[in-house]
Amino acid sequence: MENLTNQEIKVASLFAQGLNYKEVSQITFTERTTISKQVQSIYDKTQIKRSLTSLMMWFAKSPYAGLENNCLG
């Protein structure tokens, strides 16, 4: 598995908290299309199914859980 970038960890963490694309976009000051590309990259790197539910479940069990506070800068 490839390592996620700090931004991908932040995005995955926000989706794992149950936020939607619009909310993640607003919090990260990032265009929705960029968020979509980051989510696609997360799916590719983790080889999980293409669903936010799968992403949420994966993140909770991943070694990245708990690191999101380090990526909020």
Protein backbone atom coordinates (compact mmCIF):
# COMPACT_ATOMS: atom_id res chain seq x y z
CA MET A 1 0.00 0.00 0.00
CA GLU A 2 1.30 3.43 -0.91
CA ASN A 3 1.49 6.07 1.78
CA LEU A 4 -1.24 8.68 1.86
CA THR A 5 -0.33 12.35 1.72
CA ASN A 6 -1.18 14.61 4.66
CA GLN A 7 -4.05 16.08 2.63
CA GLU A 8 -5.41 12.60 1.82
CA ILE A 9 -5.26 11.68 5.52
CA LYS A 10 -7.14 14.86 6.39
CA VAL A 11 -9.79 14.20 3.71
CA ALA A 12 -10.20 10.55 4.74
CA SER A 13 -10.52 11.59 8.37
CA LEU A 14 -13.24 14.12 7.58
CA PHE A 15 -15.24 11.57 5.58
CA ALA A 16 -14.72 9.06 8.40
CA GLN A 17 -16.41 11.60 10.69
CA GLY A 18 -19.45 11.44 8.42
CA LEU A 19 -19.01 14.71 6.56
CA ASN A 20 -20.09 15.04 2.93
CA TYR A 21 -18.17 16.38 -0.07
CA LYS A 22 -19.47 19.93 0.36
CA GLU A 23 -18.51 20.04 4.05
CA VAL A 24 -15.06 18.57 3.41
CA SER A 25 -14.54 21.09 0.62
CA GLN A 26 -15.49 23.99 2.90
CA ILE A 27 -13.33 22.83 5.82
CA THR A 28 -10.26 22.23 3.68
CA PHE A 29 -10.78 25.32 1.46
CA THR A 30 -10.48 22.99 -1.52
CA GLU A 31 -12.62 22.71 -4.64
CA ARG A 32 -15.01 19.76 -4.71
CA THR A 33 -13.36 18.41 -7.88
CA THR A 34 -10.01 18.36 -6.05
CA ILE A 35 -11.60 16.49 -3.14
CA SER A 36 -13.00 13.96 -5.64
CA LYS A 37 -9.53 13.45 -7.12
CA GLN A 38 -8.04 13.03 -3.65
CA VAL A 39 -10.69 10.44 -2.76
CA GLN A 40 -9.94 8.60 -6.00
CA SER A 41 -6.26 8.61 -5.08
CA ILE A 42 -7.10 7.23 -1.63
CA TYR A 43 -9.14 4.44 -3.23
CA ASP A 44 -6.29 3.62 -5.61
CA LYS A 45 -3.63 3.62 -2.90
CA THR A 46 -5.65 1.57 -0.40
CA GLN A 47 -7.36 -0.70 -2.92
CA ILE A 48 -10.66 -0.37 -1.10
CA LYS A 49 -14.07 -0.40 -2.76
CA ARG A 50 -15.24 2.83 -4.31
CA SER A 51 -17.63 3.91 -1.58
CA LEU A 52 -17.42 6.42 1.24
CA THR A 53 -18.75 3.78 3.64
CA SER A 54 -15.80 1.53 2.79
CA LEU A 55 -13.46 4.49 3.18
CA MET A 56 -14.91 5.28 6.60
CA MET A 57 -14.54 1.68 7.78
CA TRP A 58 -11.01 1.39 6.39
CA PHE A 59 -9.86 4.66 7.96
CA ALA A 60 -11.09 3.70 11.42
CA LYS A 61 -8.90 0.58 11.34
CA SER A 62 -5.97 2.09 9.44
CA PRO A 63 -2.61 3.15 10.83
CA TYR A 64 -3.63 6.70 9.85
CA ALA A 65 -6.44 6.91 12.41
CA GLY A 66 -5.39 9.43 15.03
CA LEU A 67 -2.86 11.14 12.76
CA GLU A 68 -5.33 13.60 11.28
CA ASN A 69 -4.55 16.19 13.94
CA ASN A 70 -0.97 16.26 12.66
CA CYS A 71 -2.31 17.09 9.19
CA LEU A 72 -4.51 20.04 10.05
CA GLY A 73 -1.84 22.63 9.32
